[in-house]
Amino acid sequence: MLQQGKALAGKGSAFVNDFKAFIARGNVVDLAVGIIIGAAFTTIVNSLVKDIIMPPIGMVTGGVDFSDLYINLSGGEYPTLAAASAAGAATIN
């Protein structure tokens, strides 16, 4: 049993050494930069769709307001998306 404990301890220290080597290579910084750029790109795309693309589509389709359209998956009936969200209903927005 003691030998198994030593073997596991050796694997743990190898993991720590590998983790230190991973951090030292700079991959963590690359990952952090990628996450920040991804978050900024997501915000830009959401703003583009919400403010530029959807209003003309709403005008073409007869003034449809897409912000309150949803598909209710829970089986209940709710007059608005806000009411469905407040009730905790599963929806596709």
C-alpha atoms as a PDB file:
ATOM      1  CA  MET A   1       0.000   0.000   0.000  1.00  0.00           C
ATOM      2  CA  LEU A   2       2.864   2.343   0.784  1.00  0.00           C
ATOM      3  CA  GLN A   3       4.401   1.765  -2.637  1.00  0.00           C
ATOM      4  CA  GLN A   4       1.146   2.732  -4.328  1.00  0.00           C
ATOM      5  CA  GLY A   5       1.093   5.944  -2.309  1.00  0.00           C
ATOM      6  CA  LYS A   6       4.632   6.767  -3.453  1.00  0.00           C
ATOM      7  CA  ALA A   7       3.694   6.042  -7.063  1.00  0.00           C
ATOM      8  CA  LEU A   8       0.716   8.390  -6.833  1.00  0.00           C
ATOM      9  CA  ALA A   9       2.823  11.073  -5.182  1.00  0.00           C
ATOM     10  CA  GLY A  10       5.339  10.788  -8.012  1.00  0.00           C
ATOM     11  CA  LYS A  11       2.549  11.235 -10.574  1.00  0.00           C
ATOM     12  CA  GLY A  12       1.274  14.267  -8.671  1.00  0.00           C
ATOM     13  CA  SER A  13       4.659  15.968  -8.709  1.00  0.00           C
ATOM     14  CA  ALA A  14       5.010  15.201 -12.418  1.00  0.00           C
ATOM     15  CA  PHE A  15       1.623  16.863 -12.963  1.00  0.00           C
ATOM     16  CA  VAL A  16       2.755  19.936 -11.018  1.00  0.00           C
ATOM     17  CA  ASN A  17       5.993  20.112 -13.002  1.00  0.00           C
ATOM     18  CA  ASP A  18       4.111  19.766 -16.289  1.00  0.00           C
ATOM     19  CA  PHE A  19       1.664  22.465 -15.213  1.00  0.00           C
ATOM     20  CA  LYS A  20       4.528  24.816 -14.336  1.00  0.00           C
ATOM     21  CA  ALA A  21       6.085  24.162 -17.750  1.00  0.00           C
ATOM     22  CA  PHE A  22       2.745  24.866 -19.449  1.00  0.00           C
ATOM     23  CA  ILE A  23       2.402  28.210 -17.676  1.00  0.00           C
ATOM     24  CA  ALA A  24       6.015  29.136 -18.434  1.00  0.00           C
ATOM     25  CA  ARG A  25       5.528  28.617 -22.189  1.00  0.00           C
ATOM     26  CA  GLY A  26       3.100  31.533 -22.347  1.00  0.00           C
ATOM     27  CA  ASN A  27       0.086  29.498 -23.449  1.00  0.00           C
ATOM     28  CA  VAL A  28      -1.927  30.899 -20.567  1.00  0.00           C
ATOM     29  CA  VAL A  29      -1.396  34.443 -21.800  1.00  0.00           C
ATOM     30  CA  ASP A  30      -2.438  33.402 -25.316  1.00  0.00           C
ATOM     31  CA  LEU A  31      -5.545  31.784 -23.891  1.00  0.00           C
ATOM     32  CA  ALA A  32      -6.440  34.891 -21.874  1.00  0.00           C
ATOM     33  CA  VAL A  33      -6.006  37.133 -24.920  1.00  0.00           C
ATOM     34  CA  GLY A  34      -8.182  34.781 -26.975  1.00  0.00           C
ATOM     35  CA  ILE A  35     -10.953  34.878 -24.376  1.00  0.00           C
ATOM     36  CA  ILE A  36     -10.887  38.682 -24.215  1.00  0.00           C
ATOM     37  CA  ILE A  37     -10.975  39.017 -28.008  1.00  0.00           C
ATOM     38  CA  GLY A  38     -13.793  36.455 -28.185  1.00  0.00           C
ATOM     39  CA  ALA A  39     -15.850  38.360 -25.622  1.00  0.00           C
ATOM     40  CA  ALA A  40     -15.327  41.639 -27.468  1.00  0.00           C
ATOM     41  CA  PHE A  41     -16.231  40.036 -30.803  1.00  0.00           C
ATOM     42  CA  THR A  42     -19.403  38.560 -29.277  1.00  0.00           C
ATOM     43  CA  THR A  43     -20.471  42.005 -28.055  1.00  0.00           C
ATOM     44  CA  ILE A  44     -19.816  43.557 -31.456  1.00  0.00           C
ATOM     45  CA  VAL A  45     -21.774  40.872 -33.317  1.00  0.00           C
ATOM     46  CA  ASN A  46     -24.713  41.061 -30.880  1.00  0.00           C
ATOM     47  CA  SER A  47     -24.867  44.838 -31.273  1.00  0.00           C
ATOM     48  CA  LEU A  48     -24.649  44.584 -35.062  1.00  0.00           C
ATOM     49  CA  VAL A  49     -27.503  42.091 -35.245  1.00  0.00           C
ATOM     50  CA  LYS A  50     -29.724  43.861 -32.693  1.00  0.00           C
ATOM     51  CA  ASP A  51     -29.220  47.454 -33.860  1.00  0.00           C
ATOM     52  CA  ILE A  52     -28.455  47.208 -37.589  1.00  0.00           C
ATOM     53  CA  ILE A  53     -29.715  43.954 -39.103  1.00  0.00           C
ATOM     54  CA  MET A  54     -32.976  43.236 -37.242  1.00  0.00           C
ATOM     55  CA  PRO A  55     -34.728  46.657 -37.540  1.00  0.00           C
ATOM     56  CA  PRO A  56     -34.831  46.576 -41.375  1.00  0.00           C
ATOM     57  CA  ILE A  57     -35.961  42.936 -41.296  1.00  0.00           C
ATOM     58  CA  GLY A  58     -38.737  43.962 -38.894  1.00  0.00           C
ATOM     59  CA  MET A  59     -39.825  46.739 -41.276  1.00  0.00           C
ATOM     60  CA  VAL A  60     -39.847  44.383 -44.271  1.00  0.00           C
ATOM     61  CA  THR A  61     -41.941  41.813 -42.399  1.00  0.00           C
ATOM     62  CA  GLY A  62     -44.608  44.353 -41.450  1.00  0.00           C
ATOM     63  CA  GLY A  63     -43.270  45.848 -38.238  1.00  0.00           C
ATOM     64  CA  VAL A  64     -42.629  42.598 -36.384  1.00  0.00           C
ATOM     65  CA  ASP A  65     -40.828  43.167 -33.088  1.00  0.00           C
ATOM     66  CA  PHE A  66     -38.397  40.255 -32.803  1.00  0.00           C
ATOM     67  CA  SER A  67     -37.354  41.111 -29.252  1.00  0.00           C
ATOM     68  CA  ASP A  68     -40.520  39.549 -27.773  1.00  0.00           C
ATOM     69  CA  LEU A  69     -40.845  36.527 -30.063  1.00  0.00           C
ATOM     70  CA  TYR A  70     -40.185  33.172 -28.452  1.00  0.00           C
ATOM     71  CA  ILE A  71     -41.125  29.505 -28.612  1.00  0.00           C
ATOM     72  CA  ASN A  72     -42.420  28.134 -25.338  1.00  0.00           C
ATOM     73  CA  LEU A  73     -41.132  24.619 -24.625  1.00  0.00           C
ATOM     74  CA  SER A  74     -42.695  24.155 -21.191  1.00  0.00           C
ATOM     75  CA  GLY A  75     -46.323  23.680 -22.270  1.00  0.00           C
ATOM     76  CA  GLY A  76     -47.708  26.650 -20.297  1.00  0.00           C
ATOM     77  CA  GLU A  77     -49.078  29.826 -21.859  1.00  0.00           C
ATOM     78  CA  TYR A  78     -47.406  33.156 -21.205  1.00  0.00           C
ATOM     79  CA  PRO A  79     -48.323  36.496 -22.839  1.00  0.00           C
ATOM     80  CA  THR A  80     -44.733  37.773 -23.083  1.00  0.00           C
ATOM     81  CA  LEU A  81     -41.166  36.527 -23.003  1.00  0.00           C
ATOM     82  CA  ALA A  82     -40.636  38.384 -19.726  1.00  0.00           C
ATOM     83  CA  ALA A  83     -43.557  36.516 -18.140  1.00  0.00           C
ATOM     84  CA  ALA A  84     -42.240  33.182 -19.396  1.00  0.00           C
ATOM     85  CA  SER A  85     -38.747  33.962 -18.084  1.00  0.00           C
ATOM     86  CA  ALA A  86     -40.141  35.060 -14.718  1.00  0.00           C
ATOM     87  CA  ALA A  87     -42.062  31.782 -14.445  1.00  0.00           C
ATOM     88  CA  GLY A  88     -38.903  29.829 -15.273  1.00  0.00           C
ATOM     89  CA  ALA A  89     -40.363  28.369 -18.467  1.00  0.00           C
ATOM     90  CA  ALA A  90     -38.001  26.832 -21.020  1.00  0.00           C
ATOM     91  CA  THR A  91     -38.005  28.962 -24.160  1.00  0.00           C
ATOM     92  CA  ILE A  92     -36.204  29.372 -27.458  1.00  0.00           C
ATOM     93  CA  ASN A  93     -35.622  33.072 -28.029  1.00  0.00           C
END
